[in-house]
Amino acid sequence: MSAKASIILVVEDDAIVRMLIVDVLEELEFKVLEADGSEQALEFLNDEDQYIDLMMTDVGLPVMDGRELANEARKLRPQLPILFASGYAENIDVPDGMHMIGKPFSIDQLRDKVKSILACQA
């Protein structure tokens, strides 16, 4: 019996960075939804038929930053685990149930972080 692939929503306004993250996650056999910013992310989050196991978001997004997006996401999906990616990881207070990975991160760091978050949800 194969385990269902976890679905990860990746929110990143830099197309190249987003592509790299998506490639890594897909290689790790996750199903990935891509959003280039908070508006697109909220479309996924508002779709009640779209299951999401984890949202990974850049902190420095245009229009609505990652923290504001996380707050909106939590209103829609109170249990959704959130992973922030930031080049300034040490300067950010992360609320309960939310996690942080500093940029740049290695493939191994990303894999370990995502797997540990999802393991907590299981």
PDB file of N, CA and C in Angstrom:
ATOM      1  N   MET A   1       0.856  -1.184   0.000  1.00  0.00           N
ATOM      2  CA  MET A   1       0.000   0.000   0.000  1.00  0.00           C
ATOM      3  C   MET A   1       0.892   1.233   0.000  1.00  0.00           C
ATOM      4  N   SER A   2       0.781   2.080  -1.013  1.00  0.00           N
ATOM      5  CA  SER A   2       1.648   3.249  -1.077  1.00  0.00           C
ATOM      6  C   SER A   2       1.025   4.396  -0.290  1.00  0.00           C
ATOM      7  N   ALA A   3       1.861   5.122   0.384  1.00  0.00           N
ATOM      8  CA  ALA A   3       1.383   6.268   1.158  1.00  0.00           C
ATOM      9  C   ALA A   3       1.008   7.382   0.180  1.00  0.00           C
ATOM     10  N   LYS A   4      -0.026   8.109   0.529  1.00  0.00           N
ATOM     11  CA  LYS A   4      -0.437   9.240  -0.298  1.00  0.00           C
ATOM     12  C   LYS A   4       0.627  10.334  -0.185  1.00  0.00           C
ATOM     13  N   ALA A   5       0.996  10.896  -1.321  1.00  0.00           N
ATOM     14  CA  ALA A   5       2.002  11.956  -1.295  1.00  0.00           C
ATOM     15  C   ALA A   5       1.432  13.170  -0.572  1.00  0.00           C
ATOM     16  N   SER A   6       2.249  13.736   0.308  1.00  0.00           N
ATOM     17  CA  SER A   6       1.836  14.965   0.981  1.00  0.00           C
ATOM     18  C   SER A   6       1.805  16.104  -0.029  1.00  0.00           C
ATOM     19  N   ILE A   7       0.853  17.007   0.165  1.00  0.00           N
ATOM     20  CA  ILE A   7       0.686  18.136  -0.752  1.00  0.00           C
ATOM     21  C   ILE A   7       1.226  19.391  -0.089  1.00  0.00           C
ATOM     22  N   ILE A   8       2.174  20.024  -0.754  1.00  0.00           N
ATOM     23  CA  ILE A   8       2.821  21.209  -0.208  1.00  0.00           C
ATOM     24  C   ILE A   8       2.555  22.397  -1.122  1.00  0.00           C
ATOM     25  N   LEU A   9       2.039  23.469  -0.522  1.00  0.00           N
ATOM     26  CA  LEU A   9       1.825  24.721  -1.254  1.00  0.00           C
ATOM     27  C   LEU A   9       3.074  25.572  -1.077  1.00  0.00           C
ATOM     28  N   VAL A  10       3.764  25.873  -2.179  1.00  0.00           N
ATOM     29  CA  VAL A  10       4.982  26.680  -2.149  1.00  0.00           C
ATOM     30  C   VAL A  10       4.657  28.081  -2.645  1.00  0.00           C
ATOM     31  N   VAL A  11       4.894  29.068  -1.789  1.00  0.00           N
ATOM     32  CA  VAL A  11       4.619  30.464  -2.144  1.00  0.00           C
ATOM     33  C   VAL A  11       5.946  31.206  -2.191  1.00  0.00           C
ATOM     34  N   GLU A  12       6.339  31.615  -3.388  1.00  0.00           N
ATOM     35  CA  GLU A  12       7.645  32.258  -3.587  1.00  0.00           C
ATOM     36  C   GLU A  12       7.535  33.138  -4.821  1.00  0.00           C
ATOM     37  N   ASP A  13       7.844  34.445  -4.659  1.00  0.00           N
ATOM     38  CA  ASP A  13       7.681  35.363  -5.785  1.00  0.00           C
ATOM     39  C   ASP A  13       8.844  35.303  -6.771  1.00  0.00           C
ATOM     40  N   ASP A  14       9.980  34.767  -6.354  1.00  0.00           N
ATOM     41  CA  ASP A  14      11.120  34.636  -7.260  1.00  0.00           C
ATOM     42  C   ASP A  14      10.982  33.324  -8.034  1.00  0.00           C
ATOM     43  N   ALA A  15      10.748  33.429  -9.334  1.00  0.00           N
ATOM     44  CA  ALA A  15      10.432  32.249 -10.149  1.00  0.00           C
ATOM     45  C   ALA A  15      11.541  31.194 -10.107  1.00  0.00           C
ATOM     46  N   ILE A  16      12.801  31.632 -10.105  1.00  0.00           N
ATOM     47  CA  ILE A  16      13.910  30.676 -10.116  1.00  0.00           C
ATOM     48  C   ILE A  16      13.991  29.937  -8.786  1.00  0.00           C
ATOM     49  N   VAL A  17      13.874  30.672  -7.697  1.00  0.00           N
ATOM     50  CA  VAL A  17      13.901  30.049  -6.369  1.00  0.00           C
ATOM     51  C   VAL A  17      12.717  29.093  -6.224  1.00  0.00           C
ATOM     52  N   ARG A  18      11.551  29.546  -6.690  1.00  0.00           N
ATOM     53  CA  ARG A  18      10.351  28.697  -6.603  1.00  0.00           C
ATOM     54  C   ARG A  18      10.556  27.399  -7.383  1.00  0.00           C
ATOM     55  N   MET A  19      11.115  27.525  -8.581  1.00  0.00           N
ATOM     56  CA  MET A  19      11.348  26.343  -9.412  1.00  0.00           C
ATOM     57  C   MET A  19      12.298  25.367  -8.714  1.00  0.00           C
ATOM     58  N   LEU A  20      13.348  25.890  -8.090  1.00  0.00           N
ATOM     59  CA  LEU A  20      14.311  25.027  -7.394  1.00  0.00           C
ATOM     60  C   LEU A  20      13.651  24.301  -6.226  1.00  0.00           C
ATOM     61  N   ILE A  21      12.857  25.029  -5.440  1.00  0.00           N
ATOM     62  CA  ILE A  21      12.175  24.413  -4.295  1.00  0.00           C
ATOM     63  C   ILE A  21      11.203  23.339  -4.786  1.00  0.00           C
ATOM     64  N   VAL A  22      10.440  23.663  -5.817  1.00  0.00           N
ATOM     65  CA  VAL A  22       9.468  22.713  -6.363  1.00  0.00           C
ATOM     66  C   VAL A  22      10.182  21.468  -6.880  1.00  0.00           C
ATOM     67  N   ASP A  23      11.289  21.658  -7.603  1.00  0.00           N
ATOM     68  CA  ASP A  23      12.054  20.512  -8.123  1.00  0.00           C
ATOM     69  C   ASP A  23      12.504  19.595  -6.995  1.00  0.00           C
ATOM     70  N   VAL A  24      13.041  20.191  -5.933  1.00  0.00           N
ATOM     71  CA  VAL A  24      13.529  19.408  -4.799  1.00  0.00           C
ATOM     72  C   VAL A  24      12.376  18.641  -4.155  1.00  0.00           C
ATOM     73  N   LEU A  25      11.268  19.329  -3.909  1.00  0.00           N
ATOM     74  CA  LEU A  25      10.137  18.680  -3.239  1.00  0.00           C
ATOM     75  C   LEU A  25       9.541  17.570  -4.097  1.00  0.00           C
ATOM     76  N   GLU A  26       9.462  17.818  -5.405  1.00  0.00           N
ATOM     77  CA  GLU A  26       8.920  16.772  -6.288  1.00  0.00           C
ATOM     78  C   GLU A  26       9.856  15.570  -6.341  1.00  0.00           C
ATOM     79  N   GLU A  27      11.153  15.831  -6.299  1.00  0.00           N
ATOM     80  CA  GLU A  27      12.115  14.739  -6.283  1.00  0.00           C
ATOM     81  C   GLU A  27      11.957  13.902  -5.007  1.00  0.00           C
ATOM     82  N   LEU A  28      11.542  14.548  -3.941  1.00  0.00           N
ATOM     83  CA  LEU A  28      11.303  13.856  -2.667  1.00  0.00           C
ATOM     84  C   LEU A  28       9.907  13.222  -2.641  1.00  0.00           C
ATOM     85  N   GLU A  29       9.240  13.262  -3.797  1.00  0.00           N
ATOM     86  CA  GLU A  29       7.938  12.626  -4.000  1.00  0.00           C
ATOM     87  C   GLU A  29       6.785  13.299  -3.248  1.00  0.00           C
ATOM     88  N   PHE A  30       6.902  14.622  -3.090  1.00  0.00           N
ATOM     89  CA  PHE A  30       5.770  15.391  -2.596  1.00  0.00           C
ATOM     90  C   PHE A  30       5.008  15.917  -3.807  1.00  0.00           C
ATOM     91  N   LYS A  31       3.729  16.163  -3.619  1.00  0.00           N
ATOM     92  CA  LYS A  31       2.934  16.832  -4.650  1.00  0.00           C
ATOM     93  C   LYS A  31       3.010  18.321  -4.328  1.00  0.00           C
ATOM     94  N   VAL A  32       3.287  19.147  -5.332  1.00  0.00           N
ATOM     95  CA  VAL A  32       3.530  20.563  -5.061  1.00  0.00           C
ATOM     96  C   VAL A  32       2.536  21.449  -5.807  1.00  0.00           C
ATOM     97  N   LEU A  33       1.976  22.397  -5.075  1.00  0.00           N
ATOM     98  CA  LEU A  33       1.165  23.468  -5.665  1.00  0.00           C
ATOM     99  C   LEU A  33       2.041  24.712  -5.643  1.00  0.00           C
ATOM    100  N   GLU A  34       2.054  25.459  -6.739  1.00  0.00           N
ATOM    101  CA  GLU A  34       2.912  26.639  -6.812  1.00  0.00           C
ATOM    102  C   GLU A  34       2.094  27.910  -6.816  1.00  0.00           C
ATOM    103  N   ALA A  35       2.548  28.882  -6.016  1.00  0.00           N
ATOM    104  CA  ALA A  35       1.928  30.207  -6.037  1.00  0.00           C
ATOM    105  C   ALA A  35       3.040  31.245  -6.113  1.00  0.00           C
ATOM    106  N   ASP A  36       2.850  32.272  -6.963  1.00  0.00           N
ATOM    107  CA  ASP A  36       3.898  33.285  -7.105  1.00  0.00           C
ATOM    108  C   ASP A  36       3.690  34.441  -6.130  1.00  0.00           C
ATOM    109  N   GLY A  37       2.715  34.312  -5.265  1.00  0.00           N
ATOM    110  CA  GLY A  37       2.468  35.365  -4.279  1.00  0.00           C
ATOM    111  C   GLY A  37       1.228  35.044  -3.477  1.00  0.00           C
ATOM    112  N   SER A  38       0.878  35.958  -2.588  1.00  0.00           N
ATOM    113  CA  SER A  38      -0.209  35.684  -1.653  1.00  0.00           C
ATOM    114  C   SER A  38      -1.566  35.539  -2.337  1.00  0.00           C
ATOM    115  N   GLU A  39      -1.809  36.300  -3.418  1.00  0.00           N
ATOM    116  CA  GLU A  39      -3.122  36.202  -4.085  1.00  0.00           C
ATOM    117  C   GLU A  39      -3.356  34.791  -4.610  1.00  0.00           C
ATOM    118  N   GLN A  40      -2.371  34.266  -5.315  1.00  0.00           N
ATOM    119  CA  GLN A  40      -2.480  32.916  -5.873  1.00  0.00           C
ATOM    120  C   GLN A  40      -2.563  31.880  -4.744  1.00  0.00           C
ATOM    121  N   ALA A  41      -1.789  32.093  -3.692  1.00  0.00           N
ATOM    122  CA  ALA A  41      -1.815  31.173  -2.546  1.00  0.00           C
ATOM    123  C   ALA A  41      -3.206  31.144  -1.922  1.00  0.00           C
ATOM    124  N   LEU A  42      -3.823  32.304  -1.788  1.00  0.00           N
ATOM    125  CA  LEU A  42      -5.152  32.373  -1.168  1.00  0.00           C
ATOM    126  C   LEU A  42      -6.204  31.689  -2.030  1.00  0.00           C
ATOM    127  N   GLU A  43      -6.004  31.687  -3.352  1.00  0.00           N
ATOM    128  CA  GLU A  43      -6.932  30.942  -4.217  1.00  0.00           C
ATOM    129  C   GLU A  43      -6.908  29.455  -3.863  1.00  0.00           C
ATOM    130  N   PHE A  44      -5.705  28.905  -3.675  1.00  0.00           N
ATOM    131  CA  PHE A  44      -5.589  27.494  -3.262  1.00  0.00           C
ATOM    132  C   PHE A  44      -6.205  27.288  -1.883  1.00  0.00           C
ATOM    133  N   LEU A  45      -5.893  28.207  -0.960  1.00  0.00           N
ATOM    134  CA  LEU A  45      -6.348  28.062   0.424  1.00  0.00           C
ATOM    135  C   LEU A  45      -7.870  28.178   0.539  1.00  0.00           C
ATOM    136  N   ASN A  46      -8.458  28.991  -0.332  1.00  0.00           N
ATOM    137  CA  ASN A  46      -9.916  29.178  -0.309  1.00  0.00           C
ATOM    138  C   ASN A  46     -10.674  28.032  -0.972  1.00  0.00           C
ATOM    139  N   ASP A  47      -9.959  27.201  -1.724  1.00  0.00           N
ATOM    140  CA  ASP A  47     -10.595  26.087  -2.429  1.00  0.00           C
ATOM    141  C   ASP A  47     -10.759  24.922  -1.458  1.00  0.00           C
ATOM    142  N   GLU A  48     -11.981  24.732  -0.989  1.00  0.00           N
ATOM    143  CA  GLU A  48     -12.230  23.715   0.033  1.00  0.00           C
ATOM    144  C   GLU A  48     -11.961  22.299  -0.462  1.00  0.00           C
ATOM    145  N   ASP A  49     -11.948  22.101  -1.775  1.00  0.00           N
ATOM    146  CA  ASP A  49     -11.688  20.773  -2.327  1.00  0.00           C
ATOM    147  C   ASP A  49     -10.190  20.482  -2.454  1.00  0.00           C
ATOM    148  N   GLN A  50      -9.369  21.519  -2.249  1.00  0.00           N
ATOM    149  CA  GLN A  50      -7.921  21.353  -2.404  1.00  0.00           C
ATOM    150  C   GLN A  50      -7.296  21.034  -1.051  1.00  0.00           C
ATOM    151  N   TYR A  51      -6.815  19.801  -0.905  1.00  0.00           N
ATOM    152  CA  TYR A  51      -6.163  19.425   0.336  1.00  0.00           C
ATOM    153  C   TYR A  51      -4.737  19.975   0.344  1.00  0.00           C
ATOM    154  N   ILE A  52      -4.283  20.480   1.475  1.00  0.00           N
ATOM    155  CA  ILE A  52      -2.908  20.972   1.610  1.00  0.00           C
ATOM    156  C   ILE A  52      -2.367  20.479   2.948  1.00  0.00           C
ATOM    157  N   ASP A  53      -1.200  19.817   2.909  1.00  0.00           N
ATOM    158  CA  ASP A  53      -0.585  19.308   4.139  1.00  0.00           C
ATOM    159  C   ASP A  53       0.337  20.328   4.796  1.00  0.00           C
ATOM    160  N   LEU A  54       0.904  21.210   3.978  1.00  0.00           N
ATOM    161  CA  LEU A  54       1.897  22.162   4.480  1.00  0.00           C
ATOM    162  C   LEU A  54       1.981  23.334   3.520  1.00  0.00           C
ATOM    163  N   MET A  55       2.091  24.540   4.072  1.00  0.00           N
ATOM    164  CA  MET A  55       2.355  25.708   3.229  1.00  0.00           C
ATOM    165  C   MET A  55       3.768  26.188   3.540  1.00  0.00           C
ATOM    166  N   MET A  56       4.572  26.285   2.493  1.00  0.00           N
ATOM    167  CA  MET A  56       5.917  26.847   2.624  1.00  0.00           C
ATOM    168  C   MET A  56       5.904  28.194   1.936  1.00  0.00           C
ATOM    169  N   THR A  57       6.212  29.247   2.679  1.00  0.00           N
ATOM    170  CA  THR A  57       6.146  30.572   2.085  1.00  0.00           C
ATOM    171  C   THR A  57       7.395  31.388   2.373  1.00  0.00           C
ATOM    172  N   ASP A  58       7.779  32.175   1.368  1.00  0.00           N
ATOM    173  CA  ASP A  58       8.828  33.161   1.558  1.00  0.00           C
ATOM    174  C   ASP A  58       8.261  34.218   2.499  1.00  0.00           C
ATOM    175  N   VAL A  59       9.107  34.793   3.349  1.00  0.00           N
ATOM    176  CA  VAL A  59       8.627  35.846   4.237  1.00  0.00           C
ATOM    177  C   VAL A  59       8.466  37.148   3.453  1.00  0.00           C
ATOM    178  N   GLY A  60       9.452  37.449   2.589  1.00  0.00           N
ATOM    179  CA  GLY A  60       9.447  38.721   1.874  1.00  0.00           C
ATOM    180  C   GLY A  60       8.676  38.676   0.574  1.00  0.00           C
ATOM    181  N   LEU A  61       7.351  38.602   0.675  1.00  0.00           N
ATOM    182  CA  LEU A  61       6.524  38.624  -0.538  1.00  0.00           C
ATOM    183  C   LEU A  61       6.021  40.037  -0.781  1.00  0.00           C
ATOM    184  N   PRO A  62       5.780  40.388  -2.046  1.00  0.00           N
ATOM    185  CA  PRO A  62       5.173  41.699  -2.316  1.00  0.00           C
ATOM    186  C   PRO A  62       3.696  41.691  -1.914  1.00  0.00           C
ATOM    187  N   VAL A  63       3.114  42.851  -1.782  1.00  0.00           N
ATOM    188  CA  VAL A  63       1.699  43.060  -1.433  1.00  0.00           C
ATOM    189  C   VAL A  63       1.415  42.602   0.001  1.00  0.00           C
ATOM    190  N   MET A  64       1.308  41.303   0.210  1.00  0.00           N
ATOM    191  CA  MET A  64       1.048  40.765   1.546  1.00  0.00           C
ATOM    192  C   MET A  64       2.244  39.894   1.891  1.00  0.00           C
ATOM    193  N   ASP A  65       2.964  40.191   2.980  1.00  0.00           N
ATOM    194  CA  ASP A  65       4.157  39.391   3.268  1.00  0.00           C
ATOM    195  C   ASP A  65       3.780  38.016   3.821  1.00  0.00           C
ATOM    196  N   GLY A  66       4.786  37.170   3.954  1.00  0.00           N
ATOM    197  CA  GLY A  66       4.552  35.784   4.347  1.00  0.00           C
ATOM    198  C   GLY A  66       3.831  35.645   5.677  1.00  0.00           C
ATOM    199  N   ARG A  67       4.137  36.552   6.623  1.00  0.00           N
ATOM    200  CA  ARG A  67       3.470  36.460   7.924  1.00  0.00           C
ATOM    201  C   ARG A  67       1.991  36.806   7.831  1.00  0.00           C
ATOM    202  N   GLU A  68       1.695  37.835   7.055  1.00  0.00           N
ATOM    203  CA  GLU A  68       0.280  38.211   6.854  1.00  0.00           C
ATOM    204  C   GLU A  68      -0.458  37.082   6.134  1.00  0.00           C
ATOM    205  N   LEU A  69       0.205  36.494   5.143  1.00  0.00           N
ATOM    206  CA  LEU A  69      -0.372  35.369   4.414  1.00  0.00           C
ATOM    207  C   LEU A  69      -0.636  34.201   5.372  1.00  0.00           C
ATOM    208  N   ALA A  70       0.334  33.933   6.246  1.00  0.00           N
ATOM    209  CA  ALA A  70       0.177  32.851   7.220  1.00  0.00           C
ATOM    210  C   ALA A  70      -1.032  33.099   8.123  1.00  0.00           C
ATOM    211  N   ASN A  71      -1.214  34.353   8.541  1.00  0.00           N
ATOM    212  CA  ASN A  71      -2.366  34.679   9.393  1.00  0.00           C
ATOM    213  C   ASN A  71      -3.680  34.430   8.654  1.00  0.00           C
ATOM    214  N   GLU A  72      -3.723  34.831   7.382  1.00  0.00           N
ATOM    215  CA  GLU A  72      -4.919  34.589   6.569  1.00  0.00           C
ATOM    216  C   GLU A  72      -5.143  33.088   6.379  1.00  0.00           C
ATOM    217  N   ALA A  73      -4.045  32.367   6.109  1.00  0.00           N
ATOM    218  CA  ALA A  73      -4.131  30.919   5.897  1.00  0.00           C
ATOM    219  C   ALA A  73      -4.704  30.245   7.138  1.00  0.00           C
ATOM    220  N   ARG A  74      -4.276  30.698   8.312  1.00  0.00           N
ATOM    221  CA  ARG A  74      -4.729  30.093   9.562  1.00  0.00           C
ATOM    222  C   ARG A  74      -6.214  30.375   9.833  1.00  0.00           C
ATOM    223  N   LYS A  75      -6.705  31.511   9.330  1.00  0.00           N
ATOM    224  CA  LYS A  75      -8.142  31.791   9.474  1.00  0.00           C
ATOM    225  C   LYS A  75      -8.947  30.776   8.667  1.00  0.00           C
ATOM    226  N   LEU A  76      -8.418  30.439   7.478  1.00  0.00           N
ATOM    227  CA  LEU A  76      -9.111  29.508   6.587  1.00  0.00           C
ATOM    228  C   LEU A  76      -8.877  28.060   6.986  1.00  0.00           C
ATOM    229  N   ARG A  77      -7.667  27.772   7.435  1.00  0.00           N
ATOM    230  CA  ARG A  77      -7.266  26.393   7.766  1.00  0.00           C
ATOM    231  C   ARG A  77      -6.475  26.436   9.073  1.00  0.00           C
ATOM    232  N   PRO A  78      -7.182  26.414  10.193  1.00  0.00           N
ATOM    233  CA  PRO A  78      -6.530  26.617  11.493  1.00  0.00           C
ATOM    234  C   PRO A  78      -5.419  25.620  11.821  1.00  0.00           C
ATOM    235  N   GLN A  79      -5.489  24.424  11.271  1.00  0.00           N
ATOM    236  CA  GLN A  79      -4.490  23.398  11.611  1.00  0.00           C
ATOM    237  C   GLN A  79      -3.309  23.354  10.645  1.00  0.00           C
ATOM    238  N   LEU A  80      -3.324  24.198   9.607  1.00  0.00           N
ATOM    239  CA  LEU A  80      -2.302  24.098   8.561  1.00  0.00           C
ATOM    240  C   LEU A  80      -0.906  24.428   9.087  1.00  0.00           C
ATOM    241  N   PRO A  81       0.044  23.478   8.976  1.00  0.00           N
ATOM    242  CA  PRO A  81       1.418  23.811   9.344  1.00  0.00           C
ATOM    243  C   PRO A  81       2.020  24.757   8.301  1.00  0.00           C
ATOM    244  N   ILE A  82       2.827  25.684   8.782  1.00  0.00           N
ATOM    245  CA  ILE A  82       3.411  26.686   7.894  1.00  0.00           C
ATOM    246  C   ILE A  82       4.914  26.728   8.105  1.00  0.00           C
ATOM    247  N   LEU A  83       5.635  26.711   6.991  1.00  0.00           N
ATOM    248  CA  LEU A  83       7.096  26.803   7.013  1.00  0.00           C
ATOM    249  C   LEU A  83       7.504  28.090   6.309  1.00  0.00           C
ATOM    250  N   PHE A  84       8.147  28.975   7.047  1.00  0.00           N
ATOM    251  CA  PHE A  84       8.657  30.212   6.464  1.00  0.00           C
ATOM    252  C   PHE A  84      10.075  29.982   5.959  1.00  0.00           C
ATOM    253  N   ALA A  85      10.375  30.548   4.791  1.00  0.00           N
ATOM    254  CA  ALA A  85      11.745  30.561   4.288  1.00  0.00           C
ATOM    255  C   ALA A  85      12.205  32.010   4.276  1.00  0.00           C
ATOM    256  N   SER A  86      13.370  32.260   4.856  1.00  0.00           N
ATOM    257  CA  SER A  86      13.825  33.639   4.918  1.00  0.00           C
ATOM    258  C   SER A  86      15.341  33.715   4.947  1.00  0.00           C
ATOM    259  N   GLY A  87      15.865  34.724   4.300  1.00  0.00           N
ATOM    260  CA  GLY A  87      17.291  34.993   4.377  1.00  0.00           C
ATOM    261  C   GLY A  87      17.661  35.645   5.702  1.00  0.00           C
ATOM    262  N   TYR A  88      16.653  36.014   6.484  1.00  0.00           N
ATOM    263  CA  TYR A  88      16.895  36.687   7.765  1.00  0.00           C
ATOM    264  C   TYR A  88      16.258  35.890   8.886  1.00  0.00           C
ATOM    265  N   ALA A  89      16.457  34.571   8.858  1.00  0.00           N
ATOM    266  CA  ALA A  89      15.739  33.672   9.756  1.00  0.00           C
ATOM    267  C   ALA A  89      15.887  34.046  11.224  1.00  0.00           C
ATOM    268  N   GLU A  90      17.086  34.500  11.589  1.00  0.00           N
ATOM    269  CA  GLU A  90      17.298  34.750  13.016  1.00  0.00           C
ATOM    270  C   GLU A  90      16.544  35.976  13.525  1.00  0.00           C
ATOM    271  N   ASN A  91      16.039  36.806  12.609  1.00  0.00           N
ATOM    272  CA  ASN A  91      15.348  38.030  13.031  1.00  0.00           C
ATOM    273  C   ASN A  91      13.846  37.862  13.129  1.00  0.00           C
ATOM    274  N   ILE A  92      13.348  36.649  12.951  1.00  0.00           N
ATOM    275  CA  ILE A  92      11.900  36.481  12.854  1.00  0.00           C
ATOM    276  C   ILE A  92      11.369  35.641  13.992  1.00  0.00           C
ATOM    277  N   ASP A  93      10.328  36.168  14.639  1.00  0.00           N
ATOM    278  CA  ASP A  93       9.638  35.376  15.657  1.00  0.00           C
ATOM    279  C   ASP A  93       8.601  34.527  14.953  1.00  0.00           C
ATOM    280  N   VAL A  94       8.652  33.236  15.198  1.00  0.00           N
ATOM    281  CA  VAL A  94       7.740  32.332  14.520  1.00  0.00           C
ATOM    282  C   VAL A  94       6.644  31.909  15.495  1.00  0.00           C
ATOM    283  N   PRO A  95       5.372  32.154  15.141  1.00  0.00           N
ATOM    284  CA  PRO A  95       4.265  31.754  16.013  1.00  0.00           C
ATOM    285  C   PRO A  95       4.172  30.237  16.168  1.00  0.00           C
ATOM    286  N   ASP A  96       3.433  29.801  17.161  1.00  0.00           N
ATOM    287  CA  ASP A  96       3.222  28.373  17.391  1.00  0.00           C
ATOM    288  C   ASP A  96       2.687  27.688  16.152  1.00  0.00           C
ATOM    289  N   GLY A  97       3.176  26.479  15.912  1.00  0.00           N
ATOM    290  CA  GLY A  97       2.689  25.707  14.776  1.00  0.00           C
ATOM    291  C   GLY A  97       3.269  26.169  13.464  1.00  0.00           C
ATOM    292  N   MET A  98       4.183  27.132  13.536  1.00  0.00           N
ATOM    293  CA  MET A  98       4.841  27.613  12.325  1.00  0.00           C
ATOM    294  C   MET A  98       6.327  27.378  12.491  1.00  0.00           C
ATOM    295  N   HIS A  99       7.001  27.204  11.377  1.00  0.00           N
ATOM    296  CA  HIS A  99       8.397  26.798  11.398  1.00  0.00           C
ATOM    297  C   HIS A  99       9.202  27.717  10.487  1.00  0.00           C
ATOM    298  N   MET A 100      10.522  27.640  10.607  1.00  0.00           N
ATOM    299  CA  MET A 100      11.392  28.535   9.851  1.00  0.00           C
ATOM    300  C   MET A 100      12.549  27.757   9.260  1.00  0.00           C
ATOM    301  N   ILE A 101      12.912  28.090   8.040  1.00  0.00           N
ATOM    302  CA  ILE A 101      14.152  27.577   7.452  1.00  0.00           C
ATOM    303  C   ILE A 101      14.881  28.775   6.864  1.00  0.00           C
ATOM    304  N   GLY A 102      16.173  28.867   7.155  1.00  0.00           N
ATOM    305  CA  GLY A 102      16.946  30.002   6.667  1.00  0.00           C
ATOM    306  C   GLY A 102      17.415  29.784   5.237  1.00  0.00           C
ATOM    307  N   LYS A 103      17.351  30.843   4.436  1.00  0.00           N
ATOM    308  CA  LYS A 103      17.887  30.780   3.076  1.00  0.00           C
ATOM    309  C   LYS A 103      19.325  31.256   3.117  1.00  0.00           C
ATOM    310  N   PRO A 104      20.225  30.733   2.348  1.00  0.00           N
ATOM    311  CA  PRO A 104      19.992  29.580   1.472  1.00  0.00           C
ATOM    312  C   PRO A 104      19.988  28.297   2.298  1.00  0.00           C
ATOM    313  N   PHE A 105      19.191  27.328   1.874  1.00  0.00           N
ATOM    314  CA  PHE A 105      19.174  26.043   2.566  1.00  0.00           C
ATOM    315  C   PHE A 105      19.576  24.959   1.586  1.00  0.00           C
ATOM    316  N   SER A 106      20.103  23.884   2.143  1.00  0.00           N
ATOM    317  CA  SER A 106      20.495  22.759   1.290  1.00  0.00           C
ATOM    318  C   SER A 106      19.276  21.881   1.031  1.00  0.00           C
ATOM    319  N   ILE A 107      19.397  21.020   0.052  1.00  0.00           N
ATOM    320  CA  ILE A 107      18.340  20.058  -0.249  1.00  0.00           C
ATOM    321  C   ILE A 107      18.069  19.203   0.988  1.00  0.00           C
ATOM    322  N   ASP A 108      19.138  18.777   1.662  1.00  0.00           N
ATOM    323  CA  ASP A 108      18.978  17.942   2.856  1.00  0.00           C
ATOM    324  C   ASP A 108      18.255  18.686   3.974  1.00  0.00           C
ATOM    325  N   GLN A 109      18.608  19.957   4.158  1.00  0.00           N
ATOM    326  CA  GLN A 109      17.942  20.749   5.207  1.00  0.00           C
ATOM    327  C   GLN A 109      16.454  20.876   4.907  1.00  0.00           C
ATOM    328  N   LEU A 110      16.134  21.140   3.642  1.00  0.00           N
ATOM    329  CA  LEU A 110      14.736  21.291   3.256  1.00  0.00           C
ATOM    330  C   LEU A 110      13.983  19.976   3.465  1.00  0.00           C
ATOM    331  N   ARG A 111      14.577  18.886   3.007  1.00  0.00           N
ATOM    332  CA  ARG A 111      13.942  17.582   3.153  1.00  0.00           C
ATOM    333  C   ARG A 111      13.694  17.265   4.637  1.00  0.00           C
ATOM    334  N   ASP A 112      14.723  17.447   5.450  1.00  0.00           N
ATOM    335  CA  ASP A 112      14.606  17.102   6.872  1.00  0.00           C
ATOM    336  C   ASP A 112      13.556  17.968   7.567  1.00  0.00           C
ATOM    337  N   LYS A 113      13.540  19.248   7.222  1.00  0.00           N
ATOM    338  CA  LYS A 113      12.593  20.180   7.840  1.00  0.00           C
ATOM    339  C   LYS A 113      11.162  19.803   7.472  1.00  0.00           C
ATOM    340  N   VAL A 114      10.921  19.597   6.183  1.00  0.00           N
ATOM    341  CA  VAL A 114       9.578  19.260   5.709  1.00  0.00           C
ATOM    342  C   VAL A 114       9.116  17.933   6.319  1.00  0.00           C
ATOM    343  N   LYS A 115      10.008  16.947   6.312  1.00  0.00           N
ATOM    344  CA  LYS A 115       9.624  15.637   6.852  1.00  0.00           C
ATOM    345  C   LYS A 115       9.338  15.717   8.348  1.00  0.00           C
ATOM    346  N   SER A 116      10.112  16.512   9.073  1.00  0.00           N
ATOM    347  CA  SER A 116       9.866  16.604  10.522  1.00  0.00           C
ATOM    348  C   SER A 116       8.552  17.321  10.809  1.00  0.00           C
ATOM    349  N   ILE A 117       8.221  18.333  10.021  1.00  0.00           N
ATOM    350  CA  ILE A 117       6.935  19.022  10.215  1.00  0.00           C
ATOM    351  C   ILE A 117       5.775  18.085   9.913  1.00  0.00           C
ATOM    352  N   LEU A 118       5.881  17.386   8.797  1.00  0.00           N
ATOM    353  CA  LEU A 118       4.786  16.481   8.410  1.00  0.00           C
ATOM    354  C   LEU A 118       4.649  15.320   9.385  1.00  0.00           C
ATOM    355  N   ALA A 119       5.773  14.864   9.954  1.00  0.00           N
ATOM    356  CA  ALA A 119       5.726  13.769  10.924  1.00  0.00           C
ATOM    357  C   ALA A 119       4.943  14.192  12.171  1.00  0.00           C
ATOM    358  N   CYS A 120       5.066  15.455  12.538  1.00  0.00           N
ATOM    359  CA  CYS A 120       4.335  15.976  13.707  1.00  0.00           C
ATOM    360  C   CYS A 120       2.840  15.990  13.455  1.00  0.00           C
ATOM    361  N   GLN A 121       2.449  16.109  12.196  1.00  0.00           N
ATOM    362  CA  GLN A 121       1.036  16.204  11.826  1.00  0.00           C
ATOM    363  C   GLN A 121       0.385  14.835  11.758  1.00  0.00           C
ATOM    364  N   ALA A 122       1.208  13.829  11.516  1.00  0.00           N
ATOM    365  CA  ALA A 122       0.660  12.478  11.250  1.00  0.00           C
ATOM    366  C   ALA A 122      -0.118  11.926  12.441  1.00  0.00           C
TER     367      ALA A 122
END
